[in-house]
Amino acid sequence: MSPFKFQRPKWIPRWLNIPLLIFVAFVVVLLFFGDNNYMRISKYRSQINELKSQIKNNEDSAAMYDAKVNELNTDNETLERLVREKYGMKRTNEEVYITDIP
């Protein structure tokens, strides 16, 4: 009795063999179904880019606020103007009239 030899069906090409199919299946499983799949990596990359843009915006606004604080700490005229306009404060010997005329 001769041992059984696997006969490839005629519709399967000669270059397509079992180790190649196993390798391709392994790569597909790793790319799409593993813990570090391609979809998750691309989602993380987009989140990283979005967070980097938010960081840049926050750094720009922080620099603007630092400049305003520095201006208020160094320039007394600016501080006095801001306090008068925003908070309605006045000196003790002044009278302030507020009108709503545009």
C-alpha atoms as a PDB file:
ATOM      1  CA  MET A   1       0.000   0.000   0.000  1.00  0.00           C
ATOM      2  CA  SER A   2       1.388   3.373  -0.961  1.00  0.00           C
ATOM      3  CA  PRO A   3       1.038   6.385   1.320  1.00  0.00           C
ATOM      4  CA  PHE A   4      -1.610   8.880   0.415  1.00  0.00           C
ATOM      5  CA  LYS A   5      -0.280  11.825  -1.563  1.00  0.00           C
ATOM      6  CA  PHE A   6      -2.215  15.067  -1.572  1.00  0.00           C
ATOM      7  CA  GLN A   7      -3.418  15.979  -5.034  1.00  0.00           C
ATOM      8  CA  ARG A   8      -3.950  19.663  -5.676  1.00  0.00           C
ATOM      9  CA  PRO A   9      -7.253  20.441  -7.396  1.00  0.00           C
ATOM     10  CA  LYS A  10      -6.859  21.847 -10.888  1.00  0.00           C
ATOM     11  CA  TRP A  11      -8.558  25.144 -10.047  1.00  0.00           C
ATOM     12  CA  ILE A  12      -5.860  26.039  -7.447  1.00  0.00           C
ATOM     13  CA  PRO A  13      -2.773  27.618  -9.082  1.00  0.00           C
ATOM     14  CA  ARG A  14       0.557  25.875  -8.669  1.00  0.00           C
ATOM     15  CA  TRP A  15       2.222  28.826  -6.840  1.00  0.00           C
ATOM     16  CA  LEU A  16      -0.538  28.868  -4.201  1.00  0.00           C
ATOM     17  CA  ASN A  17       0.533  26.471  -1.495  1.00  0.00           C
ATOM     18  CA  ILE A  18      -0.395  25.809   2.129  1.00  0.00           C
ATOM     19  CA  PRO A  19       2.479  27.703   3.849  1.00  0.00           C
ATOM     20  CA  LEU A  20       1.724  30.792   1.761  1.00  0.00           C
ATOM     21  CA  LEU A  21      -1.965  30.633   2.698  1.00  0.00           C
ATOM     22  CA  ILE A  22      -1.088  30.241   6.378  1.00  0.00           C
ATOM     23  CA  PHE A  23       1.283  33.209   6.206  1.00  0.00           C
ATOM     24  CA  VAL A  24      -1.305  35.414   4.475  1.00  0.00           C
ATOM     25  CA  ALA A  25      -3.986  34.412   6.989  1.00  0.00           C
ATOM     26  CA  PHE A  26      -1.595  35.182   9.856  1.00  0.00           C
ATOM     27  CA  VAL A  27      -0.821  38.651   8.460  1.00  0.00           C
ATOM     28  CA  VAL A  28      -4.533  39.396   7.941  1.00  0.00           C
ATOM     29  CA  VAL A  29      -5.329  38.343  11.500  1.00  0.00           C
ATOM     30  CA  LEU A  30      -2.555  40.548  12.879  1.00  0.00           C
ATOM     31  CA  LEU A  31      -3.540  43.563  10.781  1.00  0.00           C
ATOM     32  CA  PHE A  32      -7.276  43.518  11.381  1.00  0.00           C
ATOM     33  CA  PHE A  33      -8.046  41.421  14.456  1.00  0.00           C
ATOM     34  CA  GLY A  34      -5.080  41.718  16.838  1.00  0.00           C
ATOM     35  CA  ASP A  35      -4.646  44.032  19.813  1.00  0.00           C
ATOM     36  CA  ASN A  36      -2.654  46.493  17.717  1.00  0.00           C
ATOM     37  CA  ASN A  37      -4.790  46.340  14.599  1.00  0.00           C
ATOM     38  CA  TYR A  38      -4.586  48.863  11.791  1.00  0.00           C
ATOM     39  CA  MET A  39      -7.925  50.542  12.527  1.00  0.00           C
ATOM     40  CA  ARG A  40      -7.021  51.192  16.157  1.00  0.00           C
ATOM     41  CA  ILE A  41      -3.589  52.545  15.205  1.00  0.00           C
ATOM     42  CA  SER A  42      -5.090  54.925  12.637  1.00  0.00           C
ATOM     43  CA  LYS A  43      -7.685  56.107  15.189  1.00  0.00           C
ATOM     44  CA  TYR A  44      -4.925  56.742  17.738  1.00  0.00           C
ATOM     45  CA  ARG A  45      -2.884  58.666  15.157  1.00  0.00           C
ATOM     46  CA  SER A  46      -5.845  60.941  14.375  1.00  0.00           C
ATOM     47  CA  GLN A  47      -6.433  61.514  18.108  1.00  0.00           C
ATOM     48  CA  ILE A  48      -2.752  62.349  18.585  1.00  0.00           C
ATOM     49  CA  ASN A  49      -2.869  64.884  15.749  1.00  0.00           C
ATOM     50  CA  GLU A  50      -6.035  66.445  17.162  1.00  0.00           C
ATOM     51  CA  LEU A  51      -4.507  66.681  20.643  1.00  0.00           C
ATOM     52  CA  LYS A  52      -1.333  68.239  19.232  1.00  0.00           C
ATOM     53  CA  SER A  53      -3.413  70.949  17.545  1.00  0.00           C
ATOM     54  CA  GLN A  54      -5.284  71.563  20.824  1.00  0.00           C
ATOM     55  CA  ILE A  55      -1.963  71.846  22.657  1.00  0.00           C
ATOM     56  CA  LYS A  56      -0.727  74.400  20.124  1.00  0.00           C
ATOM     57  CA  ASN A  57      -3.940  76.438  20.490  1.00  0.00           C
ATOM     58  CA  ASN A  58      -3.687  76.324  24.282  1.00  0.00           C
ATOM     59  CA  GLU A  59      -0.035  77.377  24.201  1.00  0.00           C
ATOM     60  CA  ASP A  60      -0.936  80.323  21.953  1.00  0.00           C
ATOM     61  CA  SER A  61      -3.755  81.439  24.262  1.00  0.00           C
ATOM     62  CA  ALA A  62      -1.533  80.951  27.323  1.00  0.00           C
ATOM     63  CA  ALA A  63       1.119  83.169  25.724  1.00  0.00           C
ATOM     64  CA  MET A  64      -1.533  85.810  25.034  1.00  0.00           C
ATOM     65  CA  TYR A  65      -2.731  85.726  28.665  1.00  0.00           C
ATOM     66  CA  ASP A  66       0.852  85.852  29.947  1.00  0.00           C
ATOM     67  CA  ALA A  67       1.434  88.971  27.852  1.00  0.00           C
ATOM     68  CA  LYS A  68      -1.742  90.568  29.274  1.00  0.00           C
ATOM     69  CA  VAL A  69      -0.738  89.729  32.850  1.00  0.00           C
ATOM     70  CA  ASN A  70       2.747  91.094  32.242  1.00  0.00           C
ATOM     71  CA  GLU A  71       1.265  94.288  30.792  1.00  0.00           C
ATOM     72  CA  LEU A  72      -1.056  94.729  33.774  1.00  0.00           C
ATOM     73  CA  ASN A  73       1.775  94.099  36.234  1.00  0.00           C
ATOM     74  CA  THR A  74       4.132  96.609  34.616  1.00  0.00           C
ATOM     75  CA  ASP A  75       1.886  99.380  33.275  1.00  0.00           C
ATOM     76  CA  ASN A  76      -0.187 101.192  35.905  1.00  0.00           C
ATOM     77  CA  GLU A  77      -2.097 103.265  33.350  1.00  0.00           C
ATOM     78  CA  THR A  78      -3.369 100.145  31.614  1.00  0.00           C
ATOM     79  CA  LEU A  79      -4.358  98.641  34.941  1.00  0.00           C
ATOM     80  CA  GLU A  80      -6.211 101.798  35.950  1.00  0.00           C
ATOM     81  CA  ARG A  81      -8.026 101.991  32.577  1.00  0.00           C
ATOM     82  CA  LEU A  82      -9.079  98.334  32.830  1.00  0.00           C
ATOM     83  CA  VAL A  83     -10.340  98.722  36.390  1.00  0.00           C
ATOM     84  CA  ARG A  84     -12.302 101.851  35.509  1.00  0.00           C
ATOM     85  CA  GLU A  85     -13.884 100.379  32.360  1.00  0.00           C
ATOM     86  CA  LYS A  86     -14.589  96.854  33.491  1.00  0.00           C
ATOM     87  CA  TYR A  87     -15.335  97.218  37.177  1.00  0.00           C
ATOM     88  CA  GLY A  88     -16.612 100.801  37.351  1.00  0.00           C
ATOM     89  CA  MET A  89     -14.189 101.832  40.098  1.00  0.00           C
ATOM     90  CA  LYS A  90     -13.289 105.451  40.762  1.00  0.00           C
ATOM     91  CA  ARG A  91     -11.011 107.528  42.882  1.00  0.00           C
ATOM     92  CA  THR A  92     -12.308 108.960  46.139  1.00  0.00           C
ATOM     93  CA  ASN A  93     -12.402 112.548  44.908  1.00  0.00           C
ATOM     94  CA  GLU A  94     -14.141 111.805  41.572  1.00  0.00           C
ATOM     95  CA  GLU A  95     -17.706 111.646  40.413  1.00  0.00           C
ATOM     96  CA  VAL A  96     -18.466 109.214  37.566  1.00  0.00           C
ATOM     97  CA  TYR A  97     -21.560 109.466  35.388  1.00  0.00           C
ATOM     98  CA  ILE A  98     -22.533 106.320  33.475  1.00  0.00           C
ATOM     99  CA  THR A  99     -24.806 106.685  30.498  1.00  0.00           C
ATOM    100  CA  ASP A 100     -26.256 104.137  28.114  1.00  0.00           C
ATOM    101  CA  ILE A 101     -26.178 106.387  25.058  1.00  0.00           C
ATOM    102  CA  PRO A 102     -24.623 104.543  22.141  1.00  0.00           C
END
